[in-house]
Amino acid sequence: MTRDEPGAERGERGDGRARPRIFGRPAVRRVISRVVVVVGAVLALLGVLSARYGLLVVGIIVIGLGAALGPGRIRRE
């Protein structure tokens, strides 16, 4: 589909289904999820090593959020 065709600006495919936005693509969600989980793991490790349990709790929460962002949360119709 070229930009000149009707529906191109809305992201429609030729079969009438809308193309998923950038964050709706499984590969992009997987990368973002992994980055968030790594940040959470680093925070948790810093919390354990420095005995700052607030960082440990925040790290565990961020790891959970990263897991929830993964592509397994995409519900297809």
N, C-alpha and C. Protein backbone atom coordinates (compact mmCIF):
# COMPACT_ATOMS: atom_id res chain seq x y z
N MET A 1 0.85 -1.17 0.00
CA MET A 1 0.00 0.00 0.00
C MET A 1 0.89 1.24 0.00
N THR A 2 0.64 2.12 -0.95
CA THR A 2 1.41 3.35 -1.01
C THR A 2 0.70 4.45 -0.24
N ARG A 3 1.40 5.55 -0.05
CA ARG A 3 0.81 6.66 0.70
C ARG A 3 -0.36 7.31 -0.03
N ASP A 4 -0.40 7.15 -1.36
CA ASP A 4 -1.43 7.81 -2.15
C ASP A 4 -2.76 7.05 -2.13
N GLU A 5 -2.74 5.81 -1.70
CA GLU A 5 -3.96 5.02 -1.69
C GLU A 5 -4.84 5.42 -0.52
N PRO A 6 -6.15 5.32 -0.68
CA PRO A 6 -7.04 5.66 0.43
C PRO A 6 -6.87 4.67 1.58
N GLY A 7 -6.87 5.19 2.77
CA GLY A 7 -6.70 4.36 3.96
C GLY A 7 -5.26 4.22 4.40
N ALA A 8 -4.31 4.72 3.61
CA ALA A 8 -2.90 4.58 3.96
C ALA A 8 -2.55 5.38 5.20
N GLU A 9 -3.17 6.55 5.36
CA GLU A 9 -2.85 7.37 6.53
C GLU A 9 -3.42 6.78 7.81
N ARG A 10 -4.45 5.94 7.69
CA ARG A 10 -5.03 5.31 8.87
C ARG A 10 -4.36 3.99 9.19
N GLY A 11 -3.46 3.53 8.33
CA GLY A 11 -2.75 2.29 8.58
C GLY A 11 -3.54 1.05 8.23
N GLU A 12 -4.53 1.17 7.35
CA GLU A 12 -5.33 0.00 6.99
C GLU A 12 -4.59 -0.87 5.99
N ARG A 13 -4.81 -2.15 6.08
CA ARG A 13 -4.26 -3.09 5.12
C ARG A 13 -5.24 -3.25 3.97
N GLY A 14 -4.84 -3.98 2.99
CA GLY A 14 -5.71 -4.24 1.87
C GLY A 14 -6.91 -5.10 2.22
N ASP A 15 -6.80 -5.91 3.30
CA ASP A 15 -7.90 -6.79 3.67
C ASP A 15 -8.86 -6.13 4.67
N GLY A 16 -8.70 -4.84 4.93
CA GLY A 16 -9.62 -4.12 5.81
C GLY A 16 -9.22 -4.09 7.26
N ARG A 17 -8.21 -4.89 7.64
CA ARG A 17 -7.76 -4.86 9.04
C ARG A 17 -6.77 -3.72 9.24
N ALA A 18 -6.81 -3.12 10.40
CA ALA A 18 -5.86 -2.04 10.71
C ALA A 18 -4.50 -2.64 11.03
N ARG A 19 -3.46 -1.98 10.56
CA ARG A 19 -2.10 -2.42 10.87
C ARG A 19 -1.80 -2.06 12.32
N PRO A 20 -1.15 -2.96 13.08
CA PRO A 20 -0.87 -2.64 14.48
C PRO A 20 0.10 -1.47 14.60
N ARG A 21 -0.10 -0.66 15.61
CA ARG A 21 0.81 0.45 15.83
C ARG A 21 2.16 -0.09 16.28
N ILE A 22 3.11 0.81 16.40
CA ILE A 22 4.49 0.38 16.68
C ILE A 22 4.58 -0.40 17.99
N PHE A 23 3.84 0.01 19.02
CA PHE A 23 3.92 -0.68 20.31
C PHE A 23 3.10 -1.96 20.31
N GLY A 24 2.22 -2.13 19.35
CA GLY A 24 1.41 -3.33 19.28
C GLY A 24 2.11 -4.50 18.61
N ARG A 25 3.25 -4.26 18.02
CA ARG A 25 3.99 -5.33 17.35
C ARG A 25 4.72 -6.18 18.38
N PRO A 26 4.63 -7.49 18.27
CA PRO A 26 5.26 -8.36 19.28
C PRO A 26 6.76 -8.16 19.43
N ALA A 27 7.47 -7.93 18.34
CA ALA A 27 8.93 -7.77 18.44
C ALA A 27 9.30 -6.53 19.22
N VAL A 28 8.57 -5.44 19.00
CA VAL A 28 8.85 -4.20 19.73
C VAL A 28 8.50 -4.36 21.20
N ARG A 29 7.37 -5.00 21.47
CA ARG A 29 6.99 -5.22 22.87
C ARG A 29 7.99 -6.11 23.58
N ARG A 30 8.53 -7.09 22.88
CA ARG A 30 9.51 -8.00 23.48
C ARG A 30 10.79 -7.25 23.85
N VAL A 31 11.24 -6.37 22.97
CA VAL A 31 12.46 -5.60 23.24
C VAL A 31 12.24 -4.66 24.42
N ILE A 32 11.13 -3.94 24.42
CA ILE A 32 10.84 -3.02 25.53
C ILE A 32 10.70 -3.79 26.83
N SER A 33 10.05 -4.94 26.78
CA SER A 33 9.88 -5.76 27.98
C SER A 33 11.24 -6.20 28.54
N ARG A 34 12.12 -6.63 27.66
CA ARG A 34 13.44 -7.08 28.11
C ARG A 34 14.25 -5.95 28.72
N VAL A 35 14.16 -4.77 28.14
CA VAL A 35 14.89 -3.62 28.69
C VAL A 35 14.37 -3.28 30.08
N VAL A 36 13.05 -3.28 30.25
CA VAL A 36 12.46 -2.96 31.56
C VAL A 36 12.84 -4.02 32.58
N VAL A 37 12.85 -5.28 32.18
CA VAL A 37 13.23 -6.36 33.12
C VAL A 37 14.70 -6.24 33.52
N VAL A 38 15.56 -5.89 32.58
CA VAL A 38 16.99 -5.73 32.91
C VAL A 38 17.18 -4.56 33.88
N VAL A 39 16.48 -3.46 33.66
CA VAL A 39 16.56 -2.32 34.60
C VAL A 39 16.09 -2.76 35.99
N GLY A 40 15.00 -3.51 36.04
CA GLY A 40 14.51 -4.01 37.33
C GLY A 40 15.50 -4.93 38.00
N ALA A 41 16.14 -5.79 37.24
CA ALA A 41 17.12 -6.71 37.81
C ALA A 41 18.33 -5.96 38.36
N VAL A 42 18.76 -4.92 37.65
CA VAL A 42 19.88 -4.12 38.14
C VAL A 42 19.49 -3.41 39.43
N LEU A 43 18.28 -2.86 39.48
CA LEU A 43 17.83 -2.20 40.72
C LEU A 43 17.75 -3.19 41.87
N ALA A 44 17.23 -4.37 41.61
CA ALA A 44 17.13 -5.38 42.66
C ALA A 44 18.52 -5.82 43.14
N LEU A 45 19.44 -6.00 42.20
CA LEU A 45 20.80 -6.38 42.58
C LEU A 45 21.47 -5.30 43.41
N LEU A 46 21.31 -4.04 43.00
CA LEU A 46 21.85 -2.94 43.80
C LEU A 46 21.22 -2.89 45.19
N GLY A 47 19.93 -3.19 45.25
CA GLY A 47 19.25 -3.21 46.55
C GLY A 47 19.78 -4.29 47.47
N VAL A 48 20.07 -5.45 46.91
CA VAL A 48 20.60 -6.54 47.73
C VAL A 48 22.04 -6.25 48.16
N LEU A 49 22.86 -5.79 47.21
CA LEU A 49 24.27 -5.57 47.52
C LEU A 49 24.49 -4.39 48.47
N SER A 50 23.66 -3.38 48.39
CA SER A 50 23.85 -2.21 49.25
C SER A 50 22.95 -2.23 50.48
N ALA A 51 22.19 -3.30 50.64
CA ALA A 51 21.27 -3.46 51.77
C ALA A 51 20.25 -2.32 51.84
N ARG A 52 19.88 -1.81 50.70
CA ARG A 52 18.80 -0.82 50.61
C ARG A 52 17.58 -1.56 50.07
N TYR A 53 16.73 -1.93 50.99
CA TYR A 53 15.63 -2.80 50.63
C TYR A 53 14.54 -2.08 49.85
N GLY A 54 14.55 -0.76 49.87
CA GLY A 54 13.64 0.00 49.02
C GLY A 54 13.95 -0.23 47.55
N LEU A 55 15.24 -0.25 47.22
CA LEU A 55 15.64 -0.54 45.84
C LEU A 55 15.27 -1.97 45.45
N LEU A 56 15.38 -2.88 46.38
CA LEU A 56 15.01 -4.26 46.11
C LEU A 56 13.53 -4.37 45.76
N VAL A 57 12.70 -3.70 46.55
CA VAL A 57 11.25 -3.74 46.30
C VAL A 57 10.92 -3.08 44.97
N VAL A 58 11.53 -1.93 44.70
CA VAL A 58 11.29 -1.25 43.42
C VAL A 58 11.76 -2.12 42.26
N GLY A 59 12.89 -2.78 42.41
CA GLY A 59 13.39 -3.67 41.37
C GLY A 59 12.43 -4.81 41.08
N ILE A 60 11.87 -5.40 42.13
CA ILE A 60 10.91 -6.49 41.94
C ILE A 60 9.65 -6.00 41.24
N ILE A 61 9.19 -4.81 41.60
CA ILE A 61 8.01 -4.24 40.95
C ILE A 61 8.28 -3.96 39.48
N VAL A 62 9.45 -3.40 39.18
CA VAL A 62 9.80 -3.10 37.79
C VAL A 62 9.94 -4.39 36.98
N ILE A 63 10.47 -5.45 37.57
CA ILE A 63 10.55 -6.73 36.87
C ILE A 63 9.15 -7.24 36.54
N GLY A 64 8.23 -7.10 37.48
CA GLY A 64 6.85 -7.51 37.22
C GLY A 64 6.20 -6.70 36.12
N LEU A 65 6.46 -5.40 36.11
CA LEU A 65 5.92 -4.56 35.04
C LEU A 65 6.51 -4.94 33.69
N GLY A 66 7.79 -5.25 33.66
CA GLY A 66 8.42 -5.68 32.42
C GLY A 66 7.83 -6.99 31.91
N ALA A 67 7.54 -7.90 32.83
CA ALA A 67 6.91 -9.16 32.42
C ALA A 67 5.51 -8.93 31.88
N ALA A 68 4.80 -7.98 32.45
CA ALA A 68 3.45 -7.68 31.98
C ALA A 68 3.46 -6.98 30.63
N LEU A 69 4.55 -6.32 30.27
CA LEU A 69 4.64 -5.64 28.98
C LEU A 69 4.91 -6.58 27.82
N GLY A 70 5.26 -7.81 28.11
CA GLY A 70 5.68 -8.75 27.07
C GLY A 70 4.60 -9.03 26.04
N PRO A 71 5.00 -9.64 24.93
CA PRO A 71 4.05 -9.89 23.85
C PRO A 71 2.97 -10.89 24.19
N GLY A 72 3.12 -11.63 25.26
CA GLY A 72 2.07 -12.56 25.67
C GLY A 72 0.81 -11.87 26.13
N ARG A 73 0.88 -10.57 26.37
CA ARG A 73 -0.27 -9.81 26.82
C ARG A 73 -1.11 -9.27 25.66
N ILE A 74 -0.69 -9.49 24.43
CA ILE A 74 -1.45 -9.00 23.28
C ILE A 74 -2.60 -9.97 23.04
N ARG A 75 -3.79 -9.47 23.02
CA ARG A 75 -4.96 -10.32 22.79
C ARG A 75 -5.46 -10.09 21.38
N ARG A 76 -5.38 -11.10 20.58
CA ARG A 76 -5.85 -11.01 19.18
C ARG A 76 -7.30 -11.45 19.11
N GLU A 77 -8.00 -10.90 18.15
CA GLU A 77 -9.42 -11.27 17.98
C GLU A 77 -9.56 -12.42 17.04
